[in-house]
PDB file of N, CA and C in Angstrom:
ATOM      1  N   MET A   1     -10.018 -20.775 -21.884  1.00  0.00           N
ATOM      2  CA  MET A   1     -10.916 -20.068 -20.997  1.00  0.00           C
ATOM      3  C   MET A   1     -10.123 -19.052 -20.183  1.00  0.00           C
ATOM      4  N   ALA A   2     -10.665 -17.883 -19.993  1.00  0.00           N
ATOM      5  CA  ALA A   2      -9.979 -16.810 -19.291  1.00  0.00           C
ATOM      6  C   ALA A   2      -9.986 -17.043 -17.782  1.00  0.00           C
ATOM      7  N   PHE A   3      -9.002 -16.451 -17.119  1.00  0.00           N
ATOM      8  CA  PHE A   3      -8.946 -16.524 -15.666  1.00  0.00           C
ATOM      9  C   PHE A   3     -10.038 -15.661 -15.058  1.00  0.00           C
ATOM     10  N   SER A   4     -10.463 -16.038 -13.852  1.00  0.00           N
ATOM     11  CA  SER A   4     -11.381 -15.174 -13.120  1.00  0.00           C
ATOM     12  C   SER A   4     -10.578 -13.982 -12.594  1.00  0.00           C
ATOM     13  N   LYS A   5     -11.263 -12.976 -12.075  1.00  0.00           N
ATOM     14  CA  LYS A   5     -10.575 -11.785 -11.572  1.00  0.00           C
ATOM     15  C   LYS A   5      -9.607 -12.133 -10.452  1.00  0.00           C
ATOM     16  N   VAL A   6     -10.043 -13.001  -9.556  1.00  0.00           N
ATOM     17  CA  VAL A   6      -9.213 -13.347  -8.400  1.00  0.00           C
ATOM     18  C   VAL A   6      -7.984 -14.143  -8.834  1.00  0.00           C
ATOM     19  N   LYS A   7      -8.159 -15.123  -9.725  1.00  0.00           N
ATOM     20  CA  LYS A   7      -7.026 -15.916 -10.187  1.00  0.00           C
ATOM     21  C   LYS A   7      -6.039 -15.061 -10.979  1.00  0.00           C
ATOM     22  N   ARG A   8      -6.555 -14.153 -11.786  1.00  0.00           N
ATOM     23  CA  ARG A   8      -5.698 -13.258 -12.548  1.00  0.00           C
ATOM     24  C   ARG A   8      -4.879 -12.376 -11.624  1.00  0.00           C
ATOM     25  N   ARG A   9      -5.534 -11.815 -10.583  1.00  0.00           N
ATOM     26  CA  ARG A   9      -4.849 -10.952  -9.636  1.00  0.00           C
ATOM     27  C   ARG A   9      -3.779 -11.726  -8.874  1.00  0.00           C
ATOM     28  N   ASN A  10      -4.087 -12.944  -8.456  1.00  0.00           N
ATOM     29  CA  ASN A  10      -3.111 -13.742  -7.721  1.00  0.00           C
ATOM     30  C   ASN A  10      -1.913 -14.113  -8.590  1.00  0.00           C
ATOM     31  N   LYS A  11      -2.147 -14.357  -9.869  1.00  0.00           N
ATOM     32  CA  LYS A  11      -1.060 -14.668 -10.792  1.00  0.00           C
ATOM     33  C   LYS A  11      -0.134 -13.459 -10.941  1.00  0.00           C
ATOM     34  N   ILE A  12      -0.723 -12.282 -11.107  1.00  0.00           N
ATOM     35  CA  ILE A  12       0.070 -11.049 -11.213  1.00  0.00           C
ATOM     36  C   ILE A  12       0.795 -10.781  -9.903  1.00  0.00           C
ATOM     37  N   ARG A  13       0.121 -11.030  -8.785  1.00  0.00           N
ATOM     38  CA  ARG A  13       0.692 -10.783  -7.463  1.00  0.00           C
ATOM     39  C   ARG A  13       1.936 -11.642  -7.234  1.00  0.00           C
ATOM     40  N   ARG A  14       1.870 -12.907  -7.609  1.00  0.00           N
ATOM     41  CA  ARG A  14       3.031 -13.792  -7.465  1.00  0.00           C
ATOM     42  C   ARG A  14       4.186 -13.309  -8.332  1.00  0.00           C
ATOM     43  N   ARG A  15       3.880 -12.867  -9.535  1.00  0.00           N
ATOM     44  CA  ARG A  15       4.920 -12.387 -10.446  1.00  0.00           C
ATOM     45  C   ARG A  15       5.593 -11.127  -9.886  1.00  0.00           C
ATOM     46  N   ILE A  16       4.807 -10.231  -9.309  1.00  0.00           N
ATOM     47  CA  ILE A  16       5.355  -9.006  -8.718  1.00  0.00           C
ATOM     48  C   ILE A  16       6.233  -9.338  -7.518  1.00  0.00           C
ATOM     49  N   ARG A  17       5.785 -10.270  -6.668  1.00  0.00           N
ATOM     50  CA  ARG A  17       6.502 -10.599  -5.439  1.00  0.00           C
ATOM     51  C   ARG A  17       7.829 -11.306  -5.703  1.00  0.00           C
ATOM     52  N   GLN A  18       8.019 -11.855  -6.916  1.00  0.00           N
ATOM     53  CA  GLN A  18       9.304 -12.461  -7.239  1.00  0.00           C
ATOM     54  C   GLN A  18      10.400 -11.408  -7.339  1.00  0.00           C
ATOM     55  N   SER A  19      10.041 -10.200  -7.744  1.00  0.00           N
ATOM     56  CA  SER A  19      11.048  -9.163  -7.934  1.00  0.00           C
ATOM     57  C   SER A  19      11.070  -8.129  -6.819  1.00  0.00           C
ATOM     58  N   ILE A  20       9.999  -8.019  -6.025  1.00  0.00           N
ATOM     59  CA  ILE A  20       9.938  -7.012  -4.969  1.00  0.00           C
ATOM     60  C   ILE A  20      10.052  -7.692  -3.617  1.00  0.00           C
ATOM     61  N   SER A  21      10.982  -7.197  -2.803  1.00  0.00           N
ATOM     62  CA  SER A  21      11.136  -7.706  -1.452  1.00  0.00           C
ATOM     63  C   SER A  21      11.502  -6.540  -0.548  1.00  0.00           C
ATOM     64  N   GLY A  22      11.000  -6.550   0.673  1.00  0.00           N
ATOM     65  CA  GLY A  22      11.258  -5.461   1.600  1.00  0.00           C
ATOM     66  C   GLY A  22      12.376  -5.792   2.563  1.00  0.00           C
ATOM     67  N   THR A  23      13.187  -4.793   2.868  1.00  0.00           N
ATOM     68  CA  THR A  23      14.235  -4.940   3.869  1.00  0.00           C
ATOM     69  C   THR A  23      13.971  -3.922   4.966  1.00  0.00           C
ATOM     70  N   GLU A  24      14.831  -3.915   5.974  1.00  0.00           N
ATOM     71  CA  GLU A  24      14.635  -2.971   7.074  1.00  0.00           C
ATOM     72  C   GLU A  24      14.844  -1.528   6.607  1.00  0.00           C
ATOM     73  N   SER A  25      15.828  -1.318   5.716  1.00  0.00           N
ATOM     74  CA  SER A  25      16.098   0.040   5.240  1.00  0.00           C
ATOM     75  C   SER A  25      15.143   0.458   4.117  1.00  0.00           C
ATOM     76  N   LYS A  26      14.646  -0.521   3.347  1.00  0.00           N
ATOM     77  CA  LYS A  26      13.717  -0.225   2.246  1.00  0.00           C
ATOM     78  C   LYS A  26      12.563  -1.225   2.295  1.00  0.00           C
ATOM     79  N   PRO A  27      11.569  -0.969   3.163  1.00  0.00           N
ATOM     80  CA  PRO A  27      10.461  -1.919   3.310  1.00  0.00           C
ATOM     81  C   PRO A  27       9.516  -1.887   2.108  1.00  0.00           C
ATOM     82  N   ARG A  28       8.673  -2.886   2.069  1.00  0.00           N
ATOM     83  CA  ARG A  28       7.690  -3.025   0.988  1.00  0.00           C
ATOM     84  C   ARG A  28       6.367  -2.423   1.461  1.00  0.00           C
ATOM     85  N   LEU A  29       5.795  -1.530   0.658  1.00  0.00           N
ATOM     86  CA  LEU A  29       4.473  -0.966   0.940  1.00  0.00           C
ATOM     87  C   LEU A  29       3.447  -1.822   0.216  1.00  0.00           C
ATOM     88  N   SER A  30       2.743  -2.653   0.977  1.00  0.00           N
ATOM     89  CA  SER A  30       1.764  -3.570   0.417  1.00  0.00           C
ATOM     90  C   SER A  30       0.375  -2.957   0.539  1.00  0.00           C
ATOM     91  N   VAL A  31      -0.424  -3.087  -0.527  1.00  0.00           N
ATOM     92  CA  VAL A  31      -1.765  -2.502  -0.582  1.00  0.00           C
ATOM     93  C   VAL A  31      -2.797  -3.614  -0.689  1.00  0.00           C
ATOM     94  N   PHE A  32      -3.863  -3.514   0.098  1.00  0.00           N
ATOM     95  CA  PHE A  32      -5.012  -4.395  -0.070  1.00  0.00           C
ATOM     96  C   PHE A  32      -6.243  -3.525  -0.235  1.00  0.00           C
ATOM     97  N   ARG A  33      -7.035  -3.853  -1.241  1.00  0.00           N
ATOM     98  CA  ARG A  33      -8.206  -3.053  -1.576  1.00  0.00           C
ATOM     99  C   ARG A  33      -9.426  -3.965  -1.556  1.00  0.00           C
ATOM    100  N   SER A  34     -10.403  -3.610  -0.727  1.00  0.00           N
ATOM    101  CA  SER A  34     -11.674  -4.320  -0.755  1.00  0.00           C
ATOM    102  C   SER A  34     -12.702  -3.389  -1.401  1.00  0.00           C
ATOM    103  N   ASN A  35     -13.942  -3.820  -1.455  1.00  0.00           N
ATOM    104  CA  ASN A  35     -14.958  -2.975  -2.078  1.00  0.00           C
ATOM    105  C   ASN A  35     -15.180  -1.684  -1.311  1.00  0.00           C
ATOM    106  N   LYS A  36     -15.109  -1.744   0.018  1.00  0.00           N
ATOM    107  CA  LYS A  36     -15.378  -0.557   0.832  1.00  0.00           C
ATOM    108  C   LYS A  36     -14.127   0.112   1.382  1.00  0.00           C
ATOM    109  N   GLU A  37     -13.130  -0.677   1.764  1.00  0.00           N
ATOM    110  CA  GLU A  37     -11.981  -0.152   2.501  1.00  0.00           C
ATOM    111  C   GLU A  37     -10.702  -0.314   1.687  1.00  0.00           C
ATOM    112  N   ILE A  38      -9.620   0.321   2.192  1.00  0.00           N
ATOM    113  CA  ILE A  38      -8.292   0.147   1.616  1.00  0.00           C
ATOM    114  C   ILE A  38      -7.293   0.119   2.764  1.00  0.00           C
ATOM    115  N   TYR A  39      -6.314  -0.782   2.654  1.00  0.00           N
ATOM    116  CA  TYR A  39      -5.350  -1.005   3.714  1.00  0.00           C
ATOM    117  C   TYR A  39      -3.941  -0.905   3.136  1.00  0.00           C
ATOM    118  N   ALA A  40      -2.983  -0.441   3.951  1.00  0.00           N
ATOM    119  CA  ALA A  40      -1.588  -0.351   3.535  1.00  0.00           C
ATOM    120  C   ALA A  40      -0.699  -0.786   4.690  1.00  0.00           C
ATOM    121  N   GLN A  41       0.358  -1.531   4.366  1.00  0.00           N
ATOM    122  CA  GLN A  41       1.311  -1.999   5.366  1.00  0.00           C
ATOM    123  C   GLN A  41       2.727  -1.791   4.865  1.00  0.00           C
ATOM    124  N   LEU A  42       3.625  -1.432   5.773  1.00  0.00           N
ATOM    125  CA  LEU A  42       5.056  -1.423   5.486  1.00  0.00           C
ATOM    126  C   LEU A  42       5.633  -2.691   6.081  1.00  0.00           C
ATOM    127  N   ILE A  43       6.221  -3.544   5.244  1.00  0.00           N
ATOM    128  CA  ILE A  43       6.638  -4.868   5.668  1.00  0.00           C
ATOM    129  C   ILE A  43       8.135  -5.055   5.447  1.00  0.00           C
ATOM    130  N   ASP A  44       8.811  -5.587   6.473  1.00  0.00           N
ATOM    131  CA  ASP A  44      10.200  -6.019   6.371  1.00  0.00           C
ATOM    132  C   ASP A  44      10.170  -7.522   6.132  1.00  0.00           C
ATOM    133  N   ASP A  45      10.434  -7.951   4.892  1.00  0.00           N
ATOM    134  CA  ASP A  45      10.336  -9.367   4.537  1.00  0.00           C
ATOM    135  C   ASP A  45      11.483 -10.192   5.101  1.00  0.00           C
ATOM    136  N   VAL A  46      12.606  -9.569   5.419  1.00  0.00           N
ATOM    137  CA  VAL A  46      13.747 -10.306   5.953  1.00  0.00           C
ATOM    138  C   VAL A  46      13.411 -10.861   7.335  1.00  0.00           C
ATOM    139  N   SER A  47      12.880 -10.002   8.209  1.00  0.00           N
ATOM    140  CA  SER A  47      12.512 -10.456   9.548  1.00  0.00           C
ATOM    141  C   SER A  47      11.052 -10.889   9.640  1.00  0.00           C
ATOM    142  N   GLY A  48      10.257 -10.609   8.593  1.00  0.00           N
ATOM    143  CA  GLY A  48       8.861 -11.030   8.589  1.00  0.00           C
ATOM    144  C   GLY A  48       7.980 -10.215   9.510  1.00  0.00           C
ATOM    145  N   LYS A  49       8.286  -8.920   9.656  1.00  0.00           N
ATOM    146  CA  LYS A  49       7.521  -8.077  10.571  1.00  0.00           C
ATOM    147  C   LYS A  49       6.909  -6.884   9.841  1.00  0.00           C
ATOM    148  N   THR A  50       5.758  -6.452  10.347  1.00  0.00           N
ATOM    149  CA  THR A  50       5.102  -5.251   9.845  1.00  0.00           C
ATOM    150  C   THR A  50       5.640  -4.059  10.621  1.00  0.00           C
ATOM    151  N   ILE A  51       6.171  -3.080   9.909  1.00  0.00           N
ATOM    152  CA  ILE A  51       6.743  -1.889  10.539  1.00  0.00           C
ATOM    153  C   ILE A  51       5.651  -0.895  10.895  1.00  0.00           C
ATOM    154  N   ALA A  52       4.731  -0.650   9.953  1.00  0.00           N
ATOM    155  CA  ALA A  52       3.639   0.302  10.172  1.00  0.00           C
ATOM    156  C   ALA A  52       2.455  -0.109   9.309  1.00  0.00           C
ATOM    157  N   ALA A  53       1.272   0.306   9.734  1.00  0.00           N
ATOM    158  CA  ALA A  53       0.058  -0.014   8.982  1.00  0.00           C
ATOM    159  C   ALA A  53      -0.921   1.138   9.092  1.00  0.00           C
ATOM    160  N   ALA A  54      -1.718   1.313   8.051  1.00  0.00           N
ATOM    161  CA  ALA A  54      -2.779   2.320   8.045  1.00  0.00           C
ATOM    162  C   ALA A  54      -3.918   1.797   7.187  1.00  0.00           C
ATOM    163  N   SER A  55      -5.123   2.221   7.526  1.00  0.00           N
ATOM    164  CA  SER A  55      -6.271   1.791   6.735  1.00  0.00           C
ATOM    165  C   SER A  55      -7.340   2.869   6.762  1.00  0.00           C
ATOM    166  N   SER A  56      -8.345   2.671   5.940  1.00  0.00           N
ATOM    167  CA  SER A  56      -9.450   3.612   5.893  1.00  0.00           C
ATOM    168  C   SER A  56     -10.373   3.439   7.099  1.00  0.00           C
ATOM    169  N   ARG A  57     -10.133   2.432   7.916  1.00  0.00           N
ATOM    170  CA  ARG A  57     -10.933   2.212   9.115  1.00  0.00           C
ATOM    171  C   ARG A  57     -10.360   2.913  10.339  1.00  0.00           C
ATOM    172  N   ASP A  58      -9.152   3.474  10.221  1.00  0.00           N
ATOM    173  CA  ASP A  58      -8.526   4.172  11.338  1.00  0.00           C
ATOM    174  C   ASP A  58      -9.306   5.431  11.676  1.00  0.00           C
ATOM    175  N   LYS A  59      -9.221   5.826  12.947  1.00  0.00           N
ATOM    176  CA  LYS A  59      -9.965   7.007  13.391  1.00  0.00           C
ATOM    177  C   LYS A  59      -9.397   8.300  12.816  1.00  0.00           C
ATOM    178  N   GLY A  60      -8.080   8.360  12.612  1.00  0.00           N
ATOM    179  CA  GLY A  60      -7.472   9.573  12.100  1.00  0.00           C
ATOM    180  C   GLY A  60      -7.769   9.838  10.636  1.00  0.00           C
ATOM    181  N   VAL A  61      -8.149   8.814   9.917  1.00  0.00           N
ATOM    182  CA  VAL A  61      -8.419   8.965   8.484  1.00  0.00           C
ATOM    183  C   VAL A  61      -9.885   9.337   8.309  1.00  0.00           C
ATOM    184  N   SER A  62     -10.103  10.435   7.625  1.00  0.00           N
ATOM    185  CA  SER A  62     -11.487  10.869   7.436  1.00  0.00           C
ATOM    186  C   SER A  62     -12.176   9.979   6.421  1.00  0.00           C
ATOM    187  N   ASP A  63     -13.395   9.606   6.713  1.00  0.00           N
ATOM    188  CA  ASP A  63     -14.160   8.793   5.769  1.00  0.00           C
ATOM    189  C   ASP A  63     -15.203   9.659   5.070  1.00  0.00           C
ATOM    190  N   GLN A  64     -14.845  10.898   4.858  1.00  0.00           N
ATOM    191  CA  GLN A  64     -15.717  11.813   4.124  1.00  0.00           C
ATOM    192  C   GLN A  64     -15.183  11.916   2.704  1.00  0.00           C
ATOM    193  N   GLY A  65     -16.073  11.987   1.756  1.00  0.00           N
ATOM    194  CA  GLY A  65     -15.649  12.119   0.363  1.00  0.00           C
ATOM    195  C   GLY A  65     -15.662  10.789  -0.352  1.00  0.00           C
ATOM    196  N   THR A  66     -15.042  10.791  -1.510  1.00  0.00           N
ATOM    197  CA  THR A  66     -15.041   9.590  -2.334  1.00  0.00           C
ATOM    198  C   THR A  66     -14.011   8.587  -1.824  1.00  0.00           C
ATOM    199  N   LYS A  67     -14.059   7.378  -2.370  1.00  0.00           N
ATOM    200  CA  LYS A  67     -13.116   6.345  -1.959  1.00  0.00           C
ATOM    201  C   LYS A  67     -11.692   6.711  -2.369  1.00  0.00           C
ATOM    202  N   SER A  68     -11.536   7.418  -3.476  1.00  0.00           N
ATOM    203  CA  SER A  68     -10.200   7.849  -3.910  1.00  0.00           C
ATOM    204  C   SER A  68      -9.618   8.888  -2.960  1.00  0.00           C
ATOM    205  N   GLU A  69     -10.453   9.782  -2.462  1.00  0.00           N
ATOM    206  CA  GLU A  69      -9.987  10.779  -1.494  1.00  0.00           C
ATOM    207  C   GLU A  69      -9.583  10.117  -0.189  1.00  0.00           C
ATOM    208  N   VAL A  70     -10.326   9.107   0.224  1.00  0.00           N
ATOM    209  CA  VAL A  70      -9.981   8.361   1.437  1.00  0.00           C
ATOM    210  C   VAL A  70      -8.664   7.619   1.228  1.00  0.00           C
ATOM    211  N   ALA A  71      -8.447   7.052   0.031  1.00  0.00           N
ATOM    212  CA  ALA A  71      -7.199   6.353  -0.267  1.00  0.00           C
ATOM    213  C   ALA A  71      -6.012   7.306  -0.202  1.00  0.00           C
ATOM    214  N   THR A  72      -6.184   8.539  -0.664  1.00  0.00           N
ATOM    215  CA  THR A  72      -5.121   9.539  -0.561  1.00  0.00           C
ATOM    216  C   THR A  72      -4.800   9.832   0.899  1.00  0.00           C
ATOM    217  N   ALA A  73      -5.834   9.920   1.739  1.00  0.00           N
ATOM    218  CA  ALA A  73      -5.634  10.149   3.175  1.00  0.00           C
ATOM    219  C   ALA A  73      -4.906   8.971   3.818  1.00  0.00           C
ATOM    220  N   VAL A  74      -5.203   7.760   3.391  1.00  0.00           N
ATOM    221  CA  VAL A  74      -4.503   6.579   3.919  1.00  0.00           C
ATOM    222  C   VAL A  74      -3.034   6.628   3.510  1.00  0.00           C
ATOM    223  N   GLY A  75      -2.753   7.048   2.287  1.00  0.00           N
ATOM    224  CA  GLY A  75      -1.376   7.191   1.832  1.00  0.00           C
ATOM    225  C   GLY A  75      -0.601   8.198   2.662  1.00  0.00           C
ATOM    226  N   LYS A  76      -1.228   9.312   2.989  1.00  0.00           N
ATOM    227  CA  LYS A  76      -0.575  10.318   3.835  1.00  0.00           C
ATOM    228  C   LYS A  76      -0.363   9.781   5.240  1.00  0.00           C
ATOM    229  N   ALA A  77      -1.333   9.005   5.748  1.00  0.00           N
ATOM    230  CA  ALA A  77      -1.218   8.444   7.097  1.00  0.00           C
ATOM    231  C   ALA A  77      -0.081   7.428   7.181  1.00  0.00           C
ATOM    232  N   ILE A  78       0.053   6.588   6.160  1.00  0.00           N
ATOM    233  CA  ILE A  78       1.141   5.603   6.186  1.00  0.00           C
ATOM    234  C   ILE A  78       2.488   6.296   6.043  1.00  0.00           C
ATOM    235  N   ALA A  79       2.532   7.416   5.320  1.00  0.00           N
ATOM    236  CA  ALA A  79       3.781   8.178   5.187  1.00  0.00           C
ATOM    237  C   ALA A  79       4.192   8.772   6.530  1.00  0.00           C
ATOM    238  N   GLU A  80       3.220   9.281   7.293  1.00  0.00           N
ATOM    239  CA  GLU A  80       3.527   9.829   8.624  1.00  0.00           C
ATOM    240  C   GLU A  80       4.056   8.742   9.552  1.00  0.00           C
ATOM    241  N   LYS A  81       3.413   7.580   9.541  1.00  0.00           N
ATOM    242  CA  LYS A  81       3.849   6.484  10.399  1.00  0.00           C
ATOM    243  C   LYS A  81       5.217   5.965   9.977  1.00  0.00           C
ATOM    244  N   ALA A  82       5.503   6.000   8.681  1.00  0.00           N
ATOM    245  CA  ALA A  82       6.812   5.565   8.196  1.00  0.00           C
ATOM    246  C   ALA A  82       7.903   6.522   8.660  1.00  0.00           C
ATOM    247  N   LYS A  83       7.622   7.797   8.627  1.00  0.00           N
ATOM    248  CA  LYS A  83       8.608   8.778   9.087  1.00  0.00           C
ATOM    249  C   LYS A  83       8.890   8.605  10.577  1.00  0.00           C
ATOM    250  N   GLU A  84       7.846   8.293  11.362  1.00  0.00           N
ATOM    251  CA  GLU A  84       8.041   8.042  12.795  1.00  0.00           C
ATOM    252  C   GLU A  84       8.926   6.827  13.016  1.00  0.00           C
ATOM    253  N   ALA A  85       8.819   5.841  12.118  1.00  0.00           N
ATOM    254  CA  ALA A  85       9.629   4.628  12.220  1.00  0.00           C
ATOM    255  C   ALA A  85      11.008   4.810  11.587  1.00  0.00           C
ATOM    256  N   GLY A  86      11.266   5.961  10.985  1.00  0.00           N
ATOM    257  CA  GLY A  86      12.567   6.240  10.389  1.00  0.00           C
ATOM    258  C   GLY A  86      12.745   5.711   8.980  1.00  0.00           C
ATOM    259  N   VAL A  87      11.653   5.575   8.248  1.00  0.00           N
ATOM    260  CA  VAL A  87      11.703   5.051   6.877  1.00  0.00           C
ATOM    261  C   VAL A  87      11.384   6.182   5.912  1.00  0.00           C
ATOM    262  N   GLU A  88      12.223   6.316   4.868  1.00  0.00           N
ATOM    263  CA  GLU A  88      11.968   7.325   3.846  1.00  0.00           C
ATOM    264  C   GLU A  88      11.814   6.725   2.460  1.00  0.00           C
ATOM    265  N   VAL A  89      12.519   5.615   2.188  1.00  0.00           N
ATOM    266  CA  VAL A  89      12.506   4.985   0.870  1.00  0.00           C
ATOM    267  C   VAL A  89      11.800   3.642   0.986  1.00  0.00           C
ATOM    268  N   ILE A  90      10.877   3.379   0.043  1.00  0.00           N
ATOM    269  CA  ILE A  90      10.113   2.130   0.068  1.00  0.00           C
ATOM    270  C   ILE A  90      10.075   1.521  -1.330  1.00  0.00           C
ATOM    271  N   SER A  91       9.645   0.268  -1.401  1.00  0.00           N
ATOM    272  CA  SER A  91       9.305  -0.347  -2.682  1.00  0.00           C
ATOM    273  C   SER A  91       7.801  -0.587  -2.663  1.00  0.00           C
ATOM    274  N   PHE A  92       7.124  -0.226  -3.735  1.00  0.00           N
ATOM    275  CA  PHE A  92       5.661  -0.253  -3.793  1.00  0.00           C
ATOM    276  C   PHE A  92       5.182  -1.583  -4.347  1.00  0.00           C
ATOM    277  N   ASP A  93       4.324  -2.259  -3.579  1.00  0.00           N
ATOM    278  CA  ASP A  93       3.738  -3.534  -3.987  1.00  0.00           C
ATOM    279  C   ASP A  93       2.243  -3.312  -4.164  1.00  0.00           C
ATOM    280  N   ARG A  94       1.790  -3.317  -5.407  1.00  0.00           N
ATOM    281  CA  ARG A  94       0.377  -3.060  -5.677  1.00  0.00           C
ATOM    282  C   ARG A  94      -0.484  -4.301  -5.549  1.00  0.00           C
ATOM    283  N   SER A  95       0.124  -5.448  -5.229  1.00  0.00           N
ATOM    284  CA  SER A  95      -0.579  -6.707  -4.931  1.00  0.00           C
ATOM    285  C   SER A  95      -1.476  -7.191  -6.068  1.00  0.00           C
ATOM    286  N   GLY A  96      -1.067  -6.988  -7.292  1.00  0.00           N
ATOM    287  CA  GLY A  96      -1.823  -7.480  -8.425  1.00  0.00           C
ATOM    288  C   GLY A  96      -2.923  -6.566  -8.913  1.00  0.00           C
ATOM    289  N   TYR A  97      -3.175  -5.480  -8.193  1.00  0.00           N
ATOM    290  CA  TYR A  97      -4.185  -4.519  -8.644  1.00  0.00           C
ATOM    291  C   TYR A  97      -3.577  -3.624  -9.713  1.00  0.00           C
ATOM    292  N   LEU A  98      -4.404  -3.109 -10.595  1.00  0.00           N
ATOM    293  CA  LEU A  98      -3.929  -2.162 -11.593  1.00  0.00           C
ATOM    294  C   LEU A  98      -3.535  -0.858 -10.914  1.00  0.00           C
ATOM    295  N   TYR A  99      -2.493  -0.208 -11.413  1.00  0.00           N
ATOM    296  CA  TYR A  99      -2.068   1.082 -10.873  1.00  0.00           C
ATOM    297  C   TYR A  99      -3.013   2.141 -11.422  1.00  0.00           C
ATOM    298  N   HIS A 100      -4.186   2.205 -10.821  1.00  0.00           N
ATOM    299  CA  HIS A 100      -5.253   3.053 -11.319  1.00  0.00           C
ATOM    300  C   HIS A 100      -6.247   3.253 -10.188  1.00  0.00           C
ATOM    301  N   GLY A 101      -6.907   4.381 -10.160  1.00  0.00           N
ATOM    302  CA  GLY A 101      -7.968   4.589  -9.180  1.00  0.00           C
ATOM    303  C   GLY A 101      -7.449   4.726  -7.763  1.00  0.00           C
ATOM    304  N   ARG A 102      -7.987   3.896  -6.868  1.00  0.00           N
ATOM    305  CA  ARG A 102      -7.653   4.011  -5.450  1.00  0.00           C
ATOM    306  C   ARG A 102      -6.210   3.630  -5.149  1.00  0.00           C
ATOM    307  N   VAL A 103      -5.651   2.667  -5.867  1.00  0.00           N
ATOM    308  CA  VAL A 103      -4.260   2.271  -5.646  1.00  0.00           C
ATOM    309  C   VAL A 103      -3.335   3.421  -6.042  1.00  0.00           C
ATOM    310  N   LYS A 104      -3.627   4.068  -7.144  1.00  0.00           N
ATOM    311  CA  LYS A 104      -2.839   5.219  -7.592  1.00  0.00           C
ATOM    312  C   LYS A 104      -2.989   6.384  -6.616  1.00  0.00           C
ATOM    313  N   SER A 105      -4.198   6.610  -6.103  1.00  0.00           N
ATOM    314  CA  SER A 105      -4.427   7.689  -5.137  1.00  0.00           C
ATOM    315  C   SER A 105      -3.644   7.452  -3.858  1.00  0.00           C
ATOM    316  N   LEU A 106      -3.597   6.199  -3.395  1.00  0.00           N
ATOM    317  CA  LEU A 106      -2.836   5.875  -2.194  1.00  0.00           C
ATOM    318  C   LEU A 106      -1.348   6.144  -2.429  1.00  0.00           C
ATOM    319  N   ALA A 107      -0.835   5.747  -3.584  1.00  0.00           N
ATOM    320  CA  ALA A 107       0.576   5.968  -3.886  1.00  0.00           C
ATOM    321  C   ALA A 107       0.899   7.461  -3.958  1.00  0.00           C
ATOM    322  N   GLU A 108       0.021   8.230  -4.576  1.00  0.00           N
ATOM    323  CA  GLU A 108       0.254   9.676  -4.665  1.00  0.00           C
ATOM    324  C   GLU A 108       0.188  10.331  -3.292  1.00  0.00           C
ATOM    325  N   GLY A 109      -0.723   9.870  -2.437  1.00  0.00           N
ATOM    326  CA  GLY A 109      -0.802  10.384  -1.071  1.00  0.00           C
ATOM    327  C   GLY A 109       0.465  10.068  -0.282  1.00  0.00           C
ATOM    328  N   ALA A 110       1.018   8.874  -0.484  1.00  0.00           N
ATOM    329  CA  ALA A 110       2.262   8.508   0.196  1.00  0.00           C
ATOM    330  C   ALA A 110       3.422   9.369  -0.294  1.00  0.00           C
ATOM    331  N   ARG A 111       3.428   9.661  -1.598  1.00  0.00           N
ATOM    332  CA  ARG A 111       4.485  10.536  -2.133  1.00  0.00           C
ATOM    333  C   ARG A 111       4.338  11.947  -1.580  1.00  0.00           C
ATOM    334  N   GLU A 112       3.095  12.443  -1.472  1.00  0.00           N
ATOM    335  CA  GLU A 112       2.873  13.767  -0.895  1.00  0.00           C
ATOM    336  C   GLU A 112       3.329  13.811   0.565  1.00  0.00           C
ATOM    337  N   GLY A 113       3.176  12.687   1.253  1.00  0.00           N
ATOM    338  CA  GLY A 113       3.591  12.598   2.657  1.00  0.00           C
ATOM    339  C   GLY A 113       5.098  12.528   2.840  1.00  0.00           C
ATOM    340  N   GLY A 114       5.840  12.326   1.757  1.00  0.00           N
ATOM    341  CA  GLY A 114       7.300  12.356   1.840  1.00  0.00           C
ATOM    342  C   GLY A 114       7.991  11.038   1.574  1.00  0.00           C
ATOM    343  N   LEU A 115       7.272   9.977   1.236  1.00  0.00           N
ATOM    344  CA  LEU A 115       7.924   8.707   0.912  1.00  0.00           C
ATOM    345  C   LEU A 115       8.472   8.723  -0.506  1.00  0.00           C
ATOM    346  N   LYS A 116       9.599   8.063  -0.695  1.00  0.00           N
ATOM    347  CA  LYS A 116      10.216   7.976  -2.022  1.00  0.00           C
ATOM    348  C   LYS A 116      10.135   6.538  -2.493  1.00  0.00           C
ATOM    349  N   PHE A 117       9.647   6.353  -3.718  1.00  0.00           N
ATOM    350  CA  PHE A 117       9.504   5.013  -4.291  1.00  0.00           C
ATOM    351  C   PHE A 117      10.710   4.714  -5.139  1.00  0.00           C
TER     352      PHE A 117
END
């Protein structure tokens, strides 16, 4: 019997997290995608702290246009906050989601904002 969507995603997520870890100099960009919103966090796994966060619910992010356009704006917003925190290089954690659609748009927006993966 096949896994449900949630179990499949969690299995992939655990496998990804075995190889990806964030440090202070190279934090992990974690993505969470719900049906309506998208969230991004820069996480230092060594100290267990969130360096910066951005979401589609923030006031600075425009909620006009498609969900992919909003995800691109969230990517640019997290890139700006990362630069303020002094971060330029990150490791991308897609959290078990396929690198497609809104997750890909967020990553491209972060790259446009100046982050290096």
